[in-house]
Amino acid sequence: MKTTTAYLMFIGIIAFFAGCASSQRVSENDEAVERIIGLWEVKAIHNSDESGYKVIPSGMFKMIFPDGKFMNFMSTEKGAIITVDGTYRLSGDLYTEEIVNSFNKSQKGKDNPLNIKMTHRNFMYLRWFQPIDEFGVAQNRWIEEIWQRVRIEDLEVSNVDLRQELRQLLDNEEVIKNVVK
């Protein structure tokens, strides 16, 4: 009887620790994680080896899930294409994507650390280093992206709102003017 009880307790303890180990630890700060969860659309990108921000046509998205997973995808005339996916961690102003699948083969299985800055709940600024592009060409440049949260209640944010939000991220009025065009 003692052996059976000890055996069952041992199995229970193993199951408990296995369950604890399998849960994804996304961040120490649940409030910060809640701010990034959702659907985002990229609005502008700046490559450090080029001048100014480029406005991005609609259709490039990032979905950040509460379970520690993320997925980037784009919509095309033929449907949606997943461009990268994996898991993420958030620690202060560092958002790290652990890439599982990517159209850029040099990223597969690697961590992609991105500096993150949020303004209010609607805009996210990400900055990351790109050593090699999706064609295998060395780039060694910084990429800055401005993402806007996609919300059902207002799928179209006015340019006035966009300009106000960008002023929270950027100091250069000329850059803001070019993004809002």
C-alpha atoms as a PDB file:
ATOM      1  CA  MET A   1       0.000   0.000   0.000  1.00  0.00           C
ATOM      2  CA  LYS A   2       2.811   2.414   0.913  1.00  0.00           C
ATOM      3  CA  THR A   3       4.579   1.560  -2.345  1.00  0.00           C
ATOM      4  CA  THR A   4       1.444   2.231  -4.399  1.00  0.00           C
ATOM      5  CA  THR A   5       0.831   5.568  -2.662  1.00  0.00           C
ATOM      6  CA  ALA A   6       4.456   6.629  -3.097  1.00  0.00           C
ATOM      7  CA  TYR A   7       4.355   5.572  -6.753  1.00  0.00           C
ATOM      8  CA  LEU A   8       1.152   7.572  -7.417  1.00  0.00           C
ATOM      9  CA  MET A   9       2.590  10.619  -5.652  1.00  0.00           C
ATOM     10  CA  PHE A  10       5.759  10.315  -7.759  1.00  0.00           C
ATOM     11  CA  ILE A  11       3.700  10.174 -10.976  1.00  0.00           C
ATOM     12  CA  GLY A  12       1.630  13.169  -9.805  1.00  0.00           C
ATOM     13  CA  ILE A  13       4.741  15.227  -9.055  1.00  0.00           C
ATOM     14  CA  ILE A  14       6.247  14.420 -12.465  1.00  0.00           C
ATOM     15  CA  ALA A  15       2.986  15.377 -14.184  1.00  0.00           C
ATOM     16  CA  PHE A  16       2.859  18.638 -12.226  1.00  0.00           C
ATOM     17  CA  PHE A  17       6.417  19.649 -13.152  1.00  0.00           C
ATOM     18  CA  ALA A  18       5.942  18.598 -16.771  1.00  0.00           C
ATOM     19  CA  GLY A  19       2.866  20.835 -16.960  1.00  0.00           C
ATOM     20  CA  CYS A  20       4.731  23.748 -15.407  1.00  0.00           C
ATOM     21  CA  ALA A  21       7.654  23.354 -17.789  1.00  0.00           C
ATOM     22  CA  SER A  22       5.414  23.284 -20.849  1.00  0.00           C
ATOM     23  CA  SER A  23       3.778  26.652 -20.165  1.00  0.00           C
ATOM     24  CA  GLN A  24       5.314  29.467 -22.217  1.00  0.00           C
ATOM     25  CA  ARG A  25       6.935  32.235 -20.145  1.00  0.00           C
ATOM     26  CA  VAL A  26       6.412  35.285 -22.328  1.00  0.00           C
ATOM     27  CA  SER A  27       7.298  38.095 -19.919  1.00  0.00           C
ATOM     28  CA  GLU A  28       7.641  39.135 -16.325  1.00  0.00           C
ATOM     29  CA  ASN A  29       5.180  41.946 -17.049  1.00  0.00           C
ATOM     30  CA  ASP A  30       1.700  40.724 -18.008  1.00  0.00           C
ATOM     31  CA  GLU A  31       0.470  44.279 -18.672  1.00  0.00           C
ATOM     32  CA  ALA A  32       3.190  44.850 -21.292  1.00  0.00           C
ATOM     33  CA  VAL A  33       2.307  41.562 -23.006  1.00  0.00           C
ATOM     34  CA  GLU A  34      -1.383  42.487 -23.063  1.00  0.00           C
ATOM     35  CA  ARG A  35      -0.479  45.718 -24.883  1.00  0.00           C
ATOM     36  CA  ILE A  36       1.183  43.879 -27.773  1.00  0.00           C
ATOM     37  CA  ILE A  37      -1.334  41.048 -28.195  1.00  0.00           C
ATOM     38  CA  GLY A  38      -3.487  41.431 -31.288  1.00  0.00           C
ATOM     39  CA  LEU A  39      -3.406  42.058 -35.012  1.00  0.00           C
ATOM     40  CA  TRP A  40      -1.001  44.692 -36.351  1.00  0.00           C
ATOM     41  CA  GLU A  41      -0.484  46.116 -39.844  1.00  0.00           C
ATOM     42  CA  VAL A  42       2.850  47.615 -40.895  1.00  0.00           C
ATOM     43  CA  LYS A  43       2.465  51.215 -42.087  1.00  0.00           C
ATOM     44  CA  ALA A  44       6.044  52.342 -42.811  1.00  0.00           C
ATOM     45  CA  ILE A  45       9.559  50.907 -42.973  1.00  0.00           C
ATOM     46  CA  HIS A  46      12.966  52.585 -42.886  1.00  0.00           C
ATOM     47  CA  ASN A  47      16.202  50.809 -43.819  1.00  0.00           C
ATOM     48  CA  SER A  48      19.302  52.443 -42.319  1.00  0.00           C
ATOM     49  CA  ASP A  49      21.116  52.313 -45.672  1.00  0.00           C
ATOM     50  CA  GLU A  50      18.348  54.305 -47.400  1.00  0.00           C
ATOM     51  CA  SER A  51      16.909  57.750 -46.762  1.00  0.00           C
ATOM     52  CA  GLY A  52      13.520  58.208 -45.118  1.00  0.00           C
ATOM     53  CA  TYR A  53      10.599  55.966 -44.350  1.00  0.00           C
ATOM     54  CA  LYS A  54       8.725  54.127 -47.094  1.00  0.00           C
ATOM     55  CA  VAL A  55       4.966  53.865 -46.819  1.00  0.00           C
ATOM     56  CA  ILE A  56       3.981  50.212 -47.159  1.00  0.00           C
ATOM     57  CA  PRO A  57       0.930  49.205 -49.180  1.00  0.00           C
ATOM     58  CA  SER A  58      -1.849  47.592 -47.145  1.00  0.00           C
ATOM     59  CA  GLY A  59      -1.690  43.881 -46.536  1.00  0.00           C
ATOM     60  CA  MET A  60       1.347  43.073 -44.338  1.00  0.00           C
ATOM     61  CA  PHE A  61       0.316  41.900 -40.867  1.00  0.00           C
ATOM     62  CA  LYS A  62       1.693  40.591 -37.565  1.00  0.00           C
ATOM     63  CA  MET A  63      -0.524  38.547 -35.255  1.00  0.00           C
ATOM     64  CA  ILE A  64       0.731  38.299 -31.660  1.00  0.00           C
ATOM     65  CA  PHE A  65      -1.050  35.648 -29.622  1.00  0.00           C
ATOM     66  CA  PRO A  66      -1.412  35.479 -25.811  1.00  0.00           C
ATOM     67  CA  ASP A  67       0.181  31.992 -25.703  1.00  0.00           C
ATOM     68  CA  GLY A  68       3.607  33.338 -26.718  1.00  0.00           C
ATOM     69  CA  LYS A  69       3.310  32.694 -30.453  1.00  0.00           C
ATOM     70  CA  PHE A  70       3.398  35.136 -33.344  1.00  0.00           C
ATOM     71  CA  MET A  71       2.832  35.011 -37.085  1.00  0.00           C
ATOM     72  CA  ASN A  72       3.593  37.498 -39.854  1.00  0.00           C
ATOM     73  CA  PHE A  73       1.554  37.195 -43.017  1.00  0.00           C
ATOM     74  CA  MET A  74       0.616  39.163 -46.070  1.00  0.00           C
ATOM     75  CA  SER A  75      -2.505  39.231 -48.166  1.00  0.00           C
ATOM     76  CA  THR A  76      -2.244  38.909 -51.931  1.00  0.00           C
ATOM     77  CA  GLU A  77      -4.717  38.653 -54.764  1.00  0.00           C
ATOM     78  CA  LYS A  78      -4.433  34.863 -54.490  1.00  0.00           C
ATOM     79  CA  GLY A  79      -4.822  34.716 -50.697  1.00  0.00           C
ATOM     80  CA  ALA A  80      -2.728  35.013 -47.551  1.00  0.00           C
ATOM     81  CA  ILE A  81       0.917  33.914 -47.251  1.00  0.00           C
ATOM     82  CA  ILE A  82       2.602  33.261 -43.905  1.00  0.00           C
ATOM     83  CA  THR A  83       6.056  34.837 -44.126  1.00  0.00           C
ATOM     84  CA  VAL A  84       7.412  34.018 -40.654  1.00  0.00           C
ATOM     85  CA  ASP A  85       6.181  32.406 -37.430  1.00  0.00           C
ATOM     86  CA  GLY A  86       7.430  31.233 -34.082  1.00  0.00           C
ATOM     87  CA  THR A  87       7.349  32.241 -30.444  1.00  0.00           C
ATOM     88  CA  TYR A  88       8.256  35.474 -28.699  1.00  0.00           C
ATOM     89  CA  ARG A  89       9.565  36.839 -25.407  1.00  0.00           C
ATOM     90  CA  LEU A  90       9.167  40.340 -24.035  1.00  0.00           C
ATOM     91  CA  SER A  91      11.658  41.796 -21.581  1.00  0.00           C
ATOM     92  CA  GLY A  92      11.464  45.540 -21.043  1.00  0.00           C
ATOM     93  CA  ASP A  93      11.945  47.215 -24.415  1.00  0.00           C
ATOM     94  CA  LEU A  94      13.293  44.041 -26.044  1.00  0.00           C
ATOM     95  CA  TYR A  95      10.823  41.895 -27.997  1.00  0.00           C
ATOM     96  CA  THR A  96      12.556  38.722 -29.214  1.00  0.00           C
ATOM     97  CA  GLU A  97      11.078  36.498 -31.892  1.00  0.00           C
ATOM     98  CA  GLU A  98      12.259  32.887 -31.842  1.00  0.00           C
ATOM     99  CA  ILE A  99      11.765  32.024 -35.499  1.00  0.00           C
ATOM    100  CA  VAL A 100      10.493  28.553 -36.386  1.00  0.00           C
ATOM    101  CA  ASN A 101       9.558  29.079 -40.062  1.00  0.00           C
ATOM    102  CA  SER A 102      10.532  31.923 -42.379  1.00  0.00           C
ATOM    103  CA  PHE A 103      10.668  32.644 -46.086  1.00  0.00           C
ATOM    104  CA  ASN A 104      14.139  34.071 -45.236  1.00  0.00           C
ATOM    105  CA  LYS A 105      15.969  30.766 -44.746  1.00  0.00           C
ATOM    106  CA  SER A 106      18.816  32.493 -42.850  1.00  0.00           C
ATOM    107  CA  GLN A 107      16.365  33.312 -40.006  1.00  0.00           C
ATOM    108  CA  LYS A 108      15.024  29.790 -39.433  1.00  0.00           C
ATOM    109  CA  GLY A 109      15.760  28.514 -35.946  1.00  0.00           C
ATOM    110  CA  LYS A 110      17.297  31.808 -34.792  1.00  0.00           C
ATOM    111  CA  ASP A 111      16.317  34.527 -32.350  1.00  0.00           C
ATOM    112  CA  ASN A 112      15.467  37.924 -33.808  1.00  0.00           C
ATOM    113  CA  PRO A 113      15.803  40.591 -31.088  1.00  0.00           C
ATOM    114  CA  LEU A 114      13.794  43.731 -31.815  1.00  0.00           C
ATOM    115  CA  ASN A 115      13.723  46.969 -29.864  1.00  0.00           C
ATOM    116  CA  ILE A 116      10.077  47.797 -29.160  1.00  0.00           C
ATOM    117  CA  LYS A 117       8.386  51.080 -28.337  1.00  0.00           C
ATOM    118  CA  MET A 118       4.639  51.480 -27.871  1.00  0.00           C
ATOM    119  CA  THR A 119       2.539  54.617 -28.047  1.00  0.00           C
ATOM    120  CA  HIS A 120      -0.840  54.394 -26.428  1.00  0.00           C
ATOM    121  CA  ARG A 121      -2.407  51.119 -27.547  1.00  0.00           C
ATOM    122  CA  ASN A 122      -2.503  51.726 -31.284  1.00  0.00           C
ATOM    123  CA  PHE A 123       1.074  52.019 -32.543  1.00  0.00           C
ATOM    124  CA  MET A 124       4.159  49.846 -32.181  1.00  0.00           C
ATOM    125  CA  TYR A 125       7.670  50.767 -33.326  1.00  0.00           C
ATOM    126  CA  LEU A 126      10.078  47.865 -33.965  1.00  0.00           C
ATOM    127  CA  ARG A 127      13.798  48.207 -34.747  1.00  0.00           C
ATOM    128  CA  TRP A 128      15.969  45.219 -35.654  1.00  0.00           C
ATOM    129  CA  PHE A 129      19.241  44.343 -37.362  1.00  0.00           C
ATOM    130  CA  GLN A 130      19.210  42.518 -40.717  1.00  0.00           C
ATOM    131  CA  PRO A 131      22.538  40.806 -41.436  1.00  0.00           C
ATOM    132  CA  ILE A 132      21.278  38.858 -44.509  1.00  0.00           C
ATOM    133  CA  ASP A 133      18.141  39.358 -46.599  1.00  0.00           C
ATOM    134  CA  GLU A 134      15.768  36.709 -47.952  1.00  0.00           C
ATOM    135  CA  PHE A 135      17.928  36.343 -51.092  1.00  0.00           C
ATOM    136  CA  GLY A 136      21.080  35.537 -49.106  1.00  0.00           C
ATOM    137  CA  VAL A 137      22.633  38.960 -49.769  1.00  0.00           C
ATOM    138  CA  ALA A 138      24.567  40.563 -46.903  1.00  0.00           C
ATOM    139  CA  GLN A 139      22.767  43.744 -45.806  1.00  0.00           C
ATOM    140  CA  ASN A 140      24.167  44.580 -42.342  1.00  0.00           C
ATOM    141  CA  ARG A 141      21.583  47.263 -41.745  1.00  0.00           C
ATOM    142  CA  TRP A 142      19.004  48.350 -39.200  1.00  0.00           C
ATOM    143  CA  ILE A 143      15.332  48.153 -40.117  1.00  0.00           C
ATOM    144  CA  GLU A 144      12.714  50.293 -38.400  1.00  0.00           C
ATOM    145  CA  GLU A 145       9.029  49.455 -38.740  1.00  0.00           C
ATOM    146  CA  ILE A 146       5.909  51.333 -37.646  1.00  0.00           C
ATOM    147  CA  TRP A 147       2.936  49.048 -36.968  1.00  0.00           C
ATOM    148  CA  GLN A 148      -0.663  50.097 -36.346  1.00  0.00           C
ATOM    149  CA  ARG A 149      -3.106  47.962 -34.389  1.00  0.00           C
ATOM    150  CA  VAL A 150      -6.016  46.695 -36.486  1.00  0.00           C
ATOM    151  CA  ARG A 151      -9.265  47.149 -34.612  1.00  0.00           C
ATOM    152  CA  ILE A 152     -12.703  46.103 -35.709  1.00  0.00           C
ATOM    153  CA  GLU A 153     -14.416  49.221 -34.362  1.00  0.00           C
ATOM    154  CA  ASP A 154     -12.364  51.565 -36.573  1.00  0.00           C
ATOM    155  CA  LEU A 155     -10.721  49.778 -39.453  1.00  0.00           C
ATOM    156  CA  GLU A 156      -9.721  53.129 -40.920  1.00  0.00           C
ATOM    157  CA  VAL A 157      -7.909  55.549 -38.627  1.00  0.00           C
ATOM    158  CA  SER A 158      -7.889  59.072 -39.997  1.00  0.00           C
ATOM    159  CA  ASN A 159      -4.625  60.710 -41.072  1.00  0.00           C
ATOM    160  CA  VAL A 160      -5.045  63.192 -38.203  1.00  0.00           C
ATOM    161  CA  ASP A 161      -5.011  60.291 -35.700  1.00  0.00           C
ATOM    162  CA  LEU A 162      -2.054  58.678 -37.485  1.00  0.00           C
ATOM    163  CA  ARG A 163      -0.099  61.947 -37.430  1.00  0.00           C
ATOM    164  CA  GLN A 164      -0.772  62.395 -33.699  1.00  0.00           C
ATOM    165  CA  GLU A 165       0.348  58.854 -32.925  1.00  0.00           C
ATOM    166  CA  LEU A 166       3.507  59.166 -35.039  1.00  0.00           C
ATOM    167  CA  ARG A 167       4.486  62.294 -33.112  1.00  0.00           C
ATOM    168  CA  GLN A 168       4.720  60.031 -30.050  1.00  0.00           C
ATOM    169  CA  LEU A 169       7.349  57.921 -31.857  1.00  0.00           C
ATOM    170  CA  LEU A 170       9.127  60.311 -34.188  1.00  0.00           C
ATOM    171  CA  ASP A 171      10.594  63.787 -33.845  1.00  0.00           C
ATOM    172  CA  ASN A 172      10.991  64.561 -37.547  1.00  0.00           C
ATOM    173  CA  GLU A 173       7.887  66.298 -38.922  1.00  0.00           C
ATOM    174  CA  GLU A 174       9.023  65.672 -42.518  1.00  0.00           C
ATOM    175  CA  VAL A 175       9.132  61.902 -41.903  1.00  0.00           C
ATOM    176  CA  ILE A 176       5.662  62.057 -40.327  1.00  0.00           C
ATOM    177  CA  LYS A 177       4.372  64.002 -43.333  1.00  0.00           C
ATOM    178  CA  ASN A 178       5.748  61.366 -45.726  1.00  0.00           C
ATOM    179  CA  VAL A 179       4.222  58.464 -43.776  1.00  0.00           C
ATOM    180  CA  VAL A 180       0.763  60.071 -43.643  1.00  0.00           C
ATOM    181  CA  LYS A 181       0.605  60.898 -47.391  1.00  0.00           C
END
